Every structure is written in structure tokens, then in C-alpha cells.
Amino acid sequence: MPNKISQKNVISGEGTLCNNPIKIVPPPQGVEFGKYCAIAPNLKIMGINHDYNYPAVQYTFYNEMFNTDHPIDHGSNIYSKGKIIIGNDVWIGEDVFILSGVTIGDGCCIGSRSVITKDLPPYTICVGQPCKPVKNRYNKEIIDFLLKLQWWNWDKEKIKINKKFFMTNLNTIKNVNELEKIIC
């Protein structure tokens, strides 16, 4: 059964569920999941990393040899490229690995075993190592409409009365006027 994400320095939006196990090592800036995301098992988020700018990369080496922390451990100098932002209505496939400093756009779908090292645009289907967009989920007009609509910010009652919208295959829609007519 899917679970909610609950961890220090990680914000999870309403309705976002994951299938365990997941492993999140957040960067100091945090990890933010949007609303209504679906996350398959074995997601790994690595928000910090070893700093390869020093002669030794192993953190325990500095403690054992010099009785001190690795130079990067002092203060907020943890090696990270920054906050990780996962948009709303994002689907993340099994065994995905996400590195620090990336933003995954709203509506993005990420294929299994992808390694995300750079930002991914909204409403794209993305795969690979490194992960890259391979196609858009919908045409540009529909994508723009959905980004403006932001249905994930609707209250639950509005979502429920718009069942017809949620049951519509958006790739069969010729133009957004058709969608506008079915949204209450």
C-alpha cells in the first residue's frame, strides 16, 4: 500500500504517495514534493555528496588520521548543488536516482532506472542515464492549459465535481476549448 513521505527536511504535498522502500538523503536546502505525485519503489534521492576537491574523499579518513571532520563538514559547506524540487502530478518509476539541485516540472513522467542530474521540463516523458526528455505528454496548447489550470490546487470537492475532466484522454482533445467546456 502506498505511503505518505515523512522525513526531516522533506516536504511532501497533499496526495503524494510512494511505494516503499525509498531512501532520501536531503541536501541542507531540502527536498520538496508537489501534490498528487506517484512514486514507485526504490526511489533514491542523494542531496549531498563527497567533495572531490580535497586530497582524500573519505570522510572517516580525516577523523582517523587527524582527529577532525572532513574540511567540507564545517558549517553549511556540505557538498550539494542545492534544493531538489519535484513538481505536482509527477510520476517517478521504479529504481530512479535523483541528485541535488534539480527541478522536475509539473506533470513529468520519469521512466524506471533513470538518473536525474539536470532539470526536467513540465509534462514530458523522461528516461535514461542521464535522464532526458524523449517526448511531451500532450501538445503544447494542452500543456500550457494544464500549467495555467493547476488542478492540483483545487479543493477535493472541485476535483470530485470535475470527474469528466479527469476521465478524459487528453491526447484525444483537438483544442483546449473542448476542455474548458467540461470543467466546472
N, C-alpha and C. Protein backbone atom coordinates (compact mmCIF):
# COMPACT_ATOMS: atom_id res chain seq x y z
N MET A 1 0.84 -1.18 0.00
CA MET A 1 0.00 0.00 0.00
C MET A 1 0.88 1.25 0.00
N PRO A 2 0.56 2.24 -0.83
CA PRO A 2 1.37 3.46 -0.88
C PRO A 2 1.35 4.21 0.45
N ASN A 3 2.46 4.88 0.73
CA ASN A 3 2.63 5.63 1.96
C ASN A 3 2.89 7.10 1.67
N LYS A 4 2.63 7.91 2.69
CA LYS A 4 3.00 9.32 2.60
C LYS A 4 4.48 9.44 2.96
N ILE A 5 5.11 10.45 2.43
CA ILE A 5 6.53 10.68 2.72
C ILE A 5 6.62 11.56 3.96
N SER A 6 7.35 11.09 4.94
CA SER A 6 7.50 11.85 6.18
C SER A 6 8.96 11.74 6.62
N GLN A 7 9.68 12.83 6.47
CA GLN A 7 11.09 12.83 6.83
C GLN A 7 11.54 14.25 7.07
N LYS A 8 12.48 14.42 7.97
CA LYS A 8 13.04 15.74 8.26
C LYS A 8 13.66 16.34 7.00
N ASN A 9 13.41 17.62 6.78
CA ASN A 9 13.95 18.38 5.65
C ASN A 9 13.36 17.95 4.31
N VAL A 10 12.20 17.27 4.37
CA VAL A 10 11.49 16.84 3.16
C VAL A 10 10.04 17.28 3.30
N ILE A 11 9.54 18.02 2.32
CA ILE A 11 8.14 18.46 2.31
C ILE A 11 7.42 17.66 1.24
N SER A 12 6.29 17.11 1.62
CA SER A 12 5.50 16.32 0.67
C SER A 12 4.12 16.93 0.54
N GLY A 13 3.72 17.23 -0.68
CA GLY A 13 2.43 17.84 -0.94
C GLY A 13 1.27 16.87 -0.72
N GLU A 14 0.09 17.43 -0.59
CA GLU A 14 -1.13 16.66 -0.39
C GLU A 14 -1.31 15.61 -1.48
N GLY A 15 -1.68 14.41 -1.06
CA GLY A 15 -1.99 13.36 -2.01
C GLY A 15 -0.79 12.67 -2.63
N THR A 16 0.42 13.08 -2.30
CA THR A 16 1.61 12.43 -2.84
C THR A 16 1.85 11.14 -2.09
N LEU A 17 2.01 10.05 -2.85
CA LEU A 17 2.19 8.73 -2.24
C LEU A 17 3.39 8.02 -2.86
N CYS A 18 4.03 7.19 -2.04
CA CYS A 18 5.17 6.42 -2.53
C CYS A 18 5.04 4.97 -2.10
N ASN A 19 5.62 4.12 -2.88
CA ASN A 19 5.73 2.71 -2.55
C ASN A 19 7.12 2.47 -1.99
N ASN A 20 7.19 2.07 -0.73
CA ASN A 20 8.48 1.83 -0.09
C ASN A 20 9.16 0.62 -0.69
N PRO A 21 10.45 0.49 -0.60
CA PRO A 21 11.31 1.38 0.15
C PRO A 21 11.76 2.58 -0.69
N ILE A 22 12.02 3.68 0.00
CA ILE A 22 12.66 4.84 -0.62
C ILE A 22 13.79 5.28 0.30
N LYS A 23 14.78 5.95 -0.25
CA LYS A 23 15.88 6.48 0.55
C LYS A 23 16.10 7.92 0.14
N ILE A 24 15.99 8.82 1.11
CA ILE A 24 16.19 10.23 0.84
C ILE A 24 17.27 10.76 1.78
N VAL A 25 18.36 11.24 1.19
CA VAL A 25 19.39 11.96 1.93
C VAL A 25 19.29 13.40 1.42
N PRO A 26 18.51 14.23 2.13
CA PRO A 26 18.23 15.57 1.60
C PRO A 26 19.42 16.50 1.68
N PRO A 27 19.51 17.43 0.73
CA PRO A 27 20.52 18.49 0.85
C PRO A 27 20.10 19.43 1.98
N PRO A 28 21.00 20.27 2.46
CA PRO A 28 20.62 21.22 3.52
C PRO A 28 19.43 22.10 3.13
N GLN A 29 19.27 22.38 1.84
CA GLN A 29 18.18 23.23 1.36
C GLN A 29 16.85 22.47 1.30
N GLY A 30 16.88 21.15 1.40
CA GLY A 30 15.67 20.35 1.46
C GLY A 30 15.23 19.73 0.14
N VAL A 31 14.18 18.92 0.27
CA VAL A 31 13.53 18.27 -0.87
C VAL A 31 12.05 18.61 -0.77
N GLU A 32 11.47 18.99 -1.90
CA GLU A 32 10.05 19.36 -1.91
C GLU A 32 9.33 18.57 -3.00
N PHE A 33 8.35 17.77 -2.56
CA PHE A 33 7.48 17.05 -3.49
C PHE A 33 6.20 17.86 -3.63
N GLY A 34 5.70 18.01 -4.85
CA GLY A 34 4.43 18.68 -5.07
C GLY A 34 3.26 17.78 -4.68
N LYS A 35 2.08 18.18 -5.08
CA LYS A 35 0.86 17.46 -4.76
C LYS A 35 0.59 16.35 -5.78
N TYR A 36 -0.02 15.28 -5.31
CA TYR A 36 -0.53 14.18 -6.12
C TYR A 36 0.54 13.50 -6.99
N CYS A 37 1.74 13.35 -6.45
CA CYS A 37 2.78 12.61 -7.14
C CYS A 37 2.62 11.12 -6.84
N ALA A 38 3.07 10.29 -7.77
CA ALA A 38 3.04 8.83 -7.62
C ALA A 38 4.48 8.33 -7.75
N ILE A 39 4.95 7.65 -6.71
CA ILE A 39 6.35 7.25 -6.67
C ILE A 39 6.45 5.74 -6.49
N ALA A 40 7.10 5.09 -7.44
CA ALA A 40 7.30 3.65 -7.40
C ALA A 40 8.41 3.30 -6.39
N PRO A 41 8.56 2.02 -6.06
CA PRO A 41 9.58 1.61 -5.08
C PRO A 41 11.00 1.94 -5.51
N ASN A 42 11.85 2.01 -4.51
CA ASN A 42 13.31 2.14 -4.66
C ASN A 42 13.77 3.49 -5.18
N LEU A 43 13.00 4.53 -4.93
CA LEU A 43 13.48 5.88 -5.25
C LEU A 43 14.66 6.18 -4.32
N LYS A 44 15.71 6.76 -4.90
CA LYS A 44 16.86 7.20 -4.11
C LYS A 44 17.12 8.65 -4.46
N ILE A 45 17.15 9.48 -3.43
CA ILE A 45 17.48 10.89 -3.61
C ILE A 45 18.74 11.15 -2.81
N MET A 46 19.79 11.60 -3.50
CA MET A 46 21.06 11.87 -2.85
C MET A 46 21.33 13.37 -2.98
N GLY A 47 21.06 14.09 -1.90
CA GLY A 47 21.19 15.54 -1.91
C GLY A 47 22.55 16.06 -1.53
N ILE A 48 23.40 15.19 -1.00
CA ILE A 48 24.77 15.59 -0.65
C ILE A 48 25.71 14.54 -1.24
N ASN A 49 26.98 14.92 -1.31
CA ASN A 49 27.94 14.01 -1.90
C ASN A 49 29.32 14.28 -1.33
N HIS A 50 30.25 13.39 -1.62
CA HIS A 50 31.64 13.60 -1.24
C HIS A 50 32.21 14.72 -2.09
N ASP A 51 33.02 15.54 -1.46
CA ASP A 51 33.68 16.62 -2.20
C ASP A 51 35.02 16.10 -2.70
N TYR A 52 35.16 16.05 -4.00
CA TYR A 52 36.37 15.51 -4.61
C TYR A 52 37.47 16.57 -4.75
N ASN A 53 37.27 17.77 -4.20
CA ASN A 53 38.27 18.84 -4.28
C ASN A 53 39.40 18.69 -3.27
N TYR A 54 39.24 17.80 -2.30
CA TYR A 54 40.25 17.59 -1.26
C TYR A 54 41.06 16.34 -1.58
N PRO A 55 42.27 16.21 -1.02
CA PRO A 55 43.12 15.06 -1.33
C PRO A 55 42.47 13.70 -1.04
N ALA A 56 41.71 13.60 0.04
CA ALA A 56 41.02 12.35 0.36
C ALA A 56 39.51 12.59 0.31
N VAL A 57 38.77 11.66 -0.28
CA VAL A 57 37.33 11.83 -0.39
C VAL A 57 36.56 11.18 0.76
N GLN A 58 37.20 10.28 1.49
CA GLN A 58 36.52 9.56 2.56
C GLN A 58 36.44 10.42 3.82
N TYR A 59 35.22 10.61 4.31
CA TYR A 59 35.02 11.45 5.48
C TYR A 59 35.70 10.89 6.72
N THR A 60 35.66 9.57 6.92
CA THR A 60 36.25 8.98 8.13
C THR A 60 37.78 9.06 8.13
N PHE A 61 38.39 9.17 6.98
CA PHE A 61 39.85 9.32 6.89
C PHE A 61 40.32 10.50 7.72
N TYR A 62 39.65 11.63 7.61
CA TYR A 62 40.06 12.84 8.33
C TYR A 62 39.92 12.66 9.83
N ASN A 63 38.89 11.93 10.26
CA ASN A 63 38.70 11.69 11.68
C ASN A 63 39.77 10.75 12.22
N GLU A 64 40.03 9.68 11.49
CA GLU A 64 41.02 8.69 11.95
C GLU A 64 42.45 9.23 11.91
N MET A 65 42.79 9.98 10.89
CA MET A 65 44.17 10.45 10.73
C MET A 65 44.47 11.75 11.47
N PHE A 66 43.47 12.63 11.55
CA PHE A 66 43.73 13.97 12.10
C PHE A 66 42.82 14.34 13.26
N ASN A 67 41.95 13.39 13.65
CA ASN A 67 41.01 13.63 14.73
C ASN A 67 40.16 14.88 14.49
N THR A 68 39.74 15.05 13.24
CA THR A 68 38.89 16.19 12.87
C THR A 68 37.93 15.76 11.76
N ASP A 69 36.91 16.57 11.56
CA ASP A 69 35.98 16.30 10.47
C ASP A 69 36.62 16.62 9.13
N HIS A 70 36.05 16.05 8.09
CA HIS A 70 36.44 16.40 6.72
C HIS A 70 36.26 17.91 6.59
N PRO A 71 37.15 18.61 5.89
CA PRO A 71 37.03 20.07 5.78
C PRO A 71 35.64 20.55 5.32
N ILE A 72 34.96 19.76 4.50
CA ILE A 72 33.66 20.16 3.99
C ILE A 72 32.58 20.13 5.06
N ASP A 73 32.79 19.37 6.15
CA ASP A 73 31.78 19.21 7.19
C ASP A 73 31.61 20.43 8.09
N HIS A 74 32.47 21.40 7.97
CA HIS A 74 32.38 22.57 8.85
C HIS A 74 31.28 23.52 8.37
N GLY A 75 30.34 23.77 9.24
CA GLY A 75 29.25 24.70 8.92
C GLY A 75 28.34 24.16 7.84
N SER A 76 27.92 25.04 6.96
CA SER A 76 26.96 24.68 5.91
C SER A 76 27.63 24.37 4.59
N ASN A 77 28.88 23.96 4.63
CA ASN A 77 29.64 23.70 3.40
C ASN A 77 29.48 22.29 2.86
N ILE A 78 28.39 21.61 3.22
CA ILE A 78 28.18 20.27 2.69
C ILE A 78 28.10 20.37 1.17
N TYR A 79 28.75 19.45 0.50
CA TYR A 79 28.82 19.47 -0.96
C TYR A 79 27.46 19.10 -1.55
N SER A 80 26.79 20.08 -2.10
CA SER A 80 25.46 19.91 -2.67
C SER A 80 25.23 20.99 -3.71
N LYS A 81 24.46 20.67 -4.73
CA LYS A 81 24.11 21.66 -5.75
C LYS A 81 22.81 22.38 -5.41
N GLY A 82 22.19 22.03 -4.27
CA GLY A 82 21.01 22.78 -3.83
C GLY A 82 19.76 21.95 -3.68
N LYS A 83 18.69 22.67 -3.44
CA LYS A 83 17.37 22.08 -3.19
C LYS A 83 16.91 21.21 -4.36
N ILE A 84 16.13 20.20 -4.02
CA ILE A 84 15.51 19.34 -5.02
C ILE A 84 14.02 19.62 -5.01
N ILE A 85 13.49 20.00 -6.17
CA ILE A 85 12.06 20.31 -6.28
C ILE A 85 11.42 19.35 -7.28
N ILE A 86 10.42 18.64 -6.79
CA ILE A 86 9.66 17.72 -7.62
C ILE A 86 8.26 18.32 -7.74
N GLY A 87 7.84 18.64 -8.95
CA GLY A 87 6.58 19.33 -9.18
C GLY A 87 5.35 18.54 -8.78
N ASN A 88 4.21 19.04 -9.15
CA ASN A 88 2.93 18.41 -8.88
C ASN A 88 2.60 17.39 -9.96
N ASP A 89 1.84 16.35 -9.59
CA ASP A 89 1.37 15.34 -10.55
C ASP A 89 2.53 14.69 -11.31
N VAL A 90 3.62 14.43 -10.59
CA VAL A 90 4.80 13.80 -11.18
C VAL A 90 4.74 12.31 -10.91
N TRP A 91 5.05 11.50 -11.92
CA TRP A 91 5.16 10.06 -11.75
C TRP A 91 6.62 9.69 -11.86
N ILE A 92 7.11 8.95 -10.84
CA ILE A 92 8.51 8.51 -10.81
C ILE A 92 8.51 6.99 -10.81
N GLY A 93 9.12 6.41 -11.83
CA GLY A 93 9.18 4.96 -11.97
C GLY A 93 10.13 4.31 -10.97
N GLU A 94 10.18 3.00 -11.03
CA GLU A 94 10.97 2.20 -10.09
C GLU A 94 12.48 2.42 -10.28
N ASP A 95 13.20 2.41 -9.16
CA ASP A 95 14.67 2.48 -9.14
C ASP A 95 15.23 3.78 -9.72
N VAL A 96 14.55 4.88 -9.53
CA VAL A 96 15.03 6.18 -10.02
C VAL A 96 15.98 6.79 -9.00
N PHE A 97 17.01 7.48 -9.50
CA PHE A 97 18.02 8.12 -8.67
C PHE A 97 18.03 9.61 -9.00
N ILE A 98 17.85 10.46 -7.99
CA ILE A 98 17.80 11.92 -8.19
C ILE A 98 18.94 12.57 -7.42
N LEU A 99 19.70 13.43 -8.10
CA LEU A 99 20.80 14.16 -7.47
C LEU A 99 20.37 15.58 -7.11
N SER A 100 21.20 16.26 -6.32
CA SER A 100 20.86 17.58 -5.80
C SER A 100 20.78 18.65 -6.88
N GLY A 101 20.03 19.71 -6.55
CA GLY A 101 19.97 20.89 -7.40
C GLY A 101 19.07 20.79 -8.61
N VAL A 102 18.20 19.79 -8.66
CA VAL A 102 17.35 19.65 -9.84
C VAL A 102 15.90 20.02 -9.53
N THR A 103 15.21 20.44 -10.59
CA THR A 103 13.77 20.69 -10.54
C THR A 103 13.12 19.81 -11.59
N ILE A 104 12.11 19.06 -11.14
CA ILE A 104 11.34 18.22 -12.03
C ILE A 104 9.99 18.90 -12.22
N GLY A 105 9.67 19.26 -13.46
CA GLY A 105 8.48 20.04 -13.75
C GLY A 105 7.17 19.31 -13.48
N ASP A 106 6.10 20.09 -13.28
CA ASP A 106 4.77 19.54 -13.07
C ASP A 106 4.42 18.56 -14.19
N GLY A 107 3.75 17.47 -13.83
CA GLY A 107 3.26 16.53 -14.82
C GLY A 107 4.30 15.67 -15.49
N CYS A 108 5.53 15.74 -15.06
CA CYS A 108 6.62 14.96 -15.67
C CYS A 108 6.45 13.48 -15.32
N CYS A 109 6.79 12.61 -16.26
CA CYS A 109 6.78 11.16 -16.04
C CYS A 109 8.21 10.65 -16.26
N ILE A 110 8.74 9.96 -15.26
CA ILE A 110 10.13 9.53 -15.30
C ILE A 110 10.20 8.01 -15.33
N GLY A 111 10.85 7.48 -16.35
CA GLY A 111 10.96 6.05 -16.53
C GLY A 111 11.86 5.38 -15.52
N SER A 112 11.62 4.10 -15.31
CA SER A 112 12.39 3.30 -14.36
C SER A 112 13.89 3.36 -14.64
N ARG A 113 14.64 3.32 -13.56
CA ARG A 113 16.11 3.29 -13.57
C ARG A 113 16.76 4.54 -14.15
N SER A 114 16.03 5.62 -14.23
CA SER A 114 16.60 6.88 -14.71
C SER A 114 17.47 7.51 -13.62
N VAL A 115 18.45 8.28 -14.06
CA VAL A 115 19.33 9.02 -13.16
C VAL A 115 19.18 10.49 -13.51
N ILE A 116 18.61 11.26 -12.58
CA ILE A 116 18.29 12.66 -12.86
C ILE A 116 19.40 13.56 -12.32
N THR A 117 20.07 14.24 -13.26
CA THR A 117 21.18 15.12 -12.91
C THR A 117 20.91 16.57 -13.29
N LYS A 118 19.86 16.80 -14.09
CA LYS A 118 19.53 18.15 -14.57
C LYS A 118 18.02 18.34 -14.52
N ASP A 119 17.59 19.59 -14.60
CA ASP A 119 16.16 19.92 -14.59
C ASP A 119 15.42 19.22 -15.73
N LEU A 120 14.17 18.84 -15.44
CA LEU A 120 13.31 18.22 -16.45
C LEU A 120 12.07 19.09 -16.64
N PRO A 121 11.67 19.36 -17.90
CA PRO A 121 10.56 20.26 -18.16
C PRO A 121 9.20 19.65 -17.80
N PRO A 122 8.21 20.50 -17.58
CA PRO A 122 6.85 20.03 -17.27
C PRO A 122 6.26 19.18 -18.39
N TYR A 123 5.44 18.25 -17.99
CA TYR A 123 4.66 17.41 -18.92
C TYR A 123 5.49 16.75 -20.01
N THR A 124 6.67 16.27 -19.62
CA THR A 124 7.49 15.50 -20.54
C THR A 124 7.63 14.08 -20.01
N ILE A 125 7.91 13.17 -20.91
CA ILE A 125 8.24 11.80 -20.55
C ILE A 125 9.76 11.72 -20.66
N CYS A 126 10.39 11.33 -19.57
CA CYS A 126 11.85 11.39 -19.49
C CYS A 126 12.41 10.03 -19.07
N VAL A 127 13.52 9.65 -19.67
CA VAL A 127 14.16 8.37 -19.36
C VAL A 127 15.67 8.49 -19.53
N GLY A 128 16.38 7.55 -18.95
CA GLY A 128 17.79 7.39 -19.27
C GLY A 128 18.74 7.70 -18.14
N GLN A 129 20.03 7.47 -18.48
CA GLN A 129 21.13 7.70 -17.57
C GLN A 129 22.21 8.46 -18.33
N PRO A 130 22.23 9.75 -18.33
CA PRO A 130 21.37 10.65 -17.56
C PRO A 130 19.98 10.79 -18.17
N CYS A 131 19.05 11.13 -17.32
CA CYS A 131 17.64 11.25 -17.71
C CYS A 131 17.44 12.47 -18.60
N LYS A 132 16.72 12.26 -19.71
CA LYS A 132 16.43 13.34 -20.66
C LYS A 132 15.00 13.19 -21.17
N PRO A 133 14.38 14.30 -21.55
CA PRO A 133 13.04 14.22 -22.15
C PRO A 133 13.09 13.49 -23.49
N VAL A 134 12.13 12.58 -23.71
CA VAL A 134 12.06 11.89 -25.01
C VAL A 134 10.83 12.33 -25.79
N LYS A 135 9.79 12.81 -25.09
CA LYS A 135 8.62 13.37 -25.78
C LYS A 135 7.74 14.09 -24.78
N ASN A 136 6.85 14.92 -25.32
CA ASN A 136 5.86 15.60 -24.50
C ASN A 136 4.68 14.67 -24.25
N ARG A 137 4.05 14.82 -23.10
CA ARG A 137 2.86 14.02 -22.81
C ARG A 137 1.69 14.45 -23.68
N TYR A 138 1.59 15.74 -23.94
CA TYR A 138 0.47 16.31 -24.71
C TYR A 138 1.03 17.38 -25.65
N ASN A 139 0.15 17.94 -26.49
CA ASN A 139 0.60 19.02 -27.36
C ASN A 139 0.79 20.30 -26.52
N LYS A 140 1.50 21.26 -27.09
CA LYS A 140 1.87 22.48 -26.35
C LYS A 140 0.66 23.22 -25.81
N GLU A 141 -0.41 23.29 -26.57
CA GLU A 141 -1.62 24.00 -26.13
C GLU A 141 -2.21 23.35 -24.87
N ILE A 142 -2.26 22.03 -24.84
CA ILE A 142 -2.79 21.32 -23.67
C ILE A 142 -1.86 21.51 -22.48
N ILE A 143 -0.54 21.42 -22.70
CA ILE A 143 0.42 21.62 -21.62
C ILE A 143 0.27 23.00 -21.02
N ASP A 144 0.23 24.03 -21.86
CA ASP A 144 0.06 25.40 -21.37
C ASP A 144 -1.24 25.55 -20.57
N PHE A 145 -2.30 24.93 -21.07
CA PHE A 145 -3.59 24.97 -20.39
C PHE A 145 -3.49 24.33 -19.00
N LEU A 146 -2.87 23.16 -18.92
CA LEU A 146 -2.75 22.46 -17.63
C LEU A 146 -1.88 23.23 -16.64
N LEU A 147 -0.81 23.83 -17.12
CA LEU A 147 0.06 24.61 -16.24
C LEU A 147 -0.66 25.84 -15.70
N LYS A 148 -1.51 26.43 -16.52
CA LYS A 148 -2.31 27.57 -16.07
C LYS A 148 -3.44 27.12 -15.15
N LEU A 149 -4.05 25.98 -15.45
CA LEU A 149 -5.18 25.45 -14.68
C LEU A 149 -4.78 25.06 -13.26
N GLN A 150 -3.63 24.44 -13.10
CA GLN A 150 -3.13 23.98 -11.81
C GLN A 150 -4.20 23.25 -11.00
N TRP A 151 -4.77 22.21 -11.59
CA TRP A 151 -5.86 21.47 -10.95
C TRP A 151 -5.47 20.94 -9.58
N TRP A 152 -4.20 20.69 -9.35
CA TRP A 152 -3.73 20.15 -8.06
C TRP A 152 -3.97 21.12 -6.90
N ASN A 153 -4.25 22.37 -7.22
CA ASN A 153 -4.57 23.35 -6.17
C ASN A 153 -6.06 23.44 -5.89
N TRP A 154 -6.86 22.69 -6.63
CA TRP A 154 -8.31 22.68 -6.37
C TRP A 154 -8.57 21.97 -5.04
N ASP A 155 -9.67 22.34 -4.39
CA ASP A 155 -10.06 21.58 -3.20
C ASP A 155 -10.67 20.25 -3.66
N LYS A 156 -10.82 19.34 -2.72
CA LYS A 156 -11.29 17.99 -3.07
C LYS A 156 -12.68 18.00 -3.69
N GLU A 157 -13.54 18.89 -3.25
CA GLU A 157 -14.89 18.96 -3.84
C GLU A 157 -14.85 19.35 -5.31
N LYS A 158 -14.01 20.33 -5.63
CA LYS A 158 -13.89 20.75 -7.03
C LYS A 158 -13.31 19.62 -7.87
N ILE A 159 -12.35 18.90 -7.33
CA ILE A 159 -11.81 17.75 -8.04
C ILE A 159 -12.91 16.74 -8.32
N LYS A 160 -13.70 16.44 -7.30
CA LYS A 160 -14.75 15.42 -7.44
C LYS A 160 -15.82 15.82 -8.46
N ILE A 161 -16.20 17.10 -8.50
CA ILE A 161 -17.23 17.51 -9.47
C ILE A 161 -16.70 17.60 -10.90
N ASN A 162 -15.38 17.49 -11.03
CA ASN A 162 -14.77 17.52 -12.36
C ASN A 162 -14.30 16.13 -12.80
N LYS A 163 -15.05 15.13 -12.42
CA LYS A 163 -14.73 13.75 -12.78
C LYS A 163 -14.57 13.58 -14.28
N LYS A 164 -15.44 14.21 -15.06
CA LYS A 164 -15.38 14.08 -16.51
C LYS A 164 -14.02 14.55 -17.05
N PHE A 165 -13.51 15.64 -16.51
CA PHE A 165 -12.20 16.15 -16.91
C PHE A 165 -11.12 15.11 -16.63
N PHE A 166 -11.13 14.54 -15.42
CA PHE A 166 -10.11 13.57 -15.04
C PHE A 166 -10.24 12.23 -15.76
N MET A 167 -11.38 11.98 -16.33
CA MET A 167 -11.60 10.74 -17.07
C MET A 167 -11.39 10.91 -18.57
N THR A 168 -10.95 12.08 -18.98
CA THR A 168 -10.74 12.40 -20.40
C THR A 168 -9.31 12.12 -20.83
N ASN A 169 -9.13 11.36 -21.90
CA ASN A 169 -7.83 11.14 -22.50
C ASN A 169 -7.43 12.44 -23.20
N LEU A 170 -6.48 13.15 -22.63
CA LEU A 170 -6.12 14.48 -23.15
C LEU A 170 -5.48 14.44 -24.52
N ASN A 171 -4.98 13.30 -24.94
CA ASN A 171 -4.40 13.19 -26.28
C ASN A 171 -5.46 13.02 -27.36
N THR A 172 -6.73 12.93 -26.97
CA THR A 172 -7.82 12.89 -27.95
C THR A 172 -8.47 14.26 -28.12
N ILE A 173 -8.05 15.22 -27.36
CA ILE A 173 -8.61 16.58 -27.39
C ILE A 173 -7.96 17.37 -28.53
N LYS A 174 -8.79 17.96 -29.35
CA LYS A 174 -8.29 18.72 -30.51
C LYS A 174 -7.81 20.12 -30.10
N ASN A 175 -8.53 20.76 -29.17
CA ASN A 175 -8.12 22.08 -28.68
C ASN A 175 -8.66 22.28 -27.27
N VAL A 176 -8.11 23.29 -26.58
CA VAL A 176 -8.47 23.50 -25.17
C VAL A 176 -9.92 23.93 -24.98
N ASN A 177 -10.56 24.44 -26.02
CA ASN A 177 -11.97 24.81 -25.90
C ASN A 177 -12.82 23.62 -25.48
N GLU A 178 -12.48 22.43 -25.98
CA GLU A 178 -13.18 21.22 -25.58
C GLU A 178 -13.03 20.97 -24.07
N LEU A 179 -11.83 21.21 -23.56
CA LEU A 179 -11.59 21.02 -22.13
C LEU A 179 -12.32 22.06 -21.29
N GLU A 180 -12.26 23.30 -21.74
CA GLU A 180 -12.91 24.38 -20.99
C GLU A 180 -14.41 24.11 -20.81
N LYS A 181 -15.03 23.45 -21.79
CA LYS A 181 -16.47 23.17 -21.73
C LYS A 181 -16.82 22.10 -20.69
N ILE A 182 -15.88 21.23 -20.36
CA ILE A 182 -16.21 20.16 -19.41
C ILE A 182 -15.79 20.45 -17.97
N ILE A 183 -15.03 21.54 -17.79
CA ILE A 183 -14.58 21.88 -16.43
C ILE A 183 -15.61 22.75 -15.74
N CYS A 184 -15.97 22.31 -14.54
CA CYS A 184 -16.96 23.07 -13.74
C CYS A 184 -16.30 24.08 -12.86
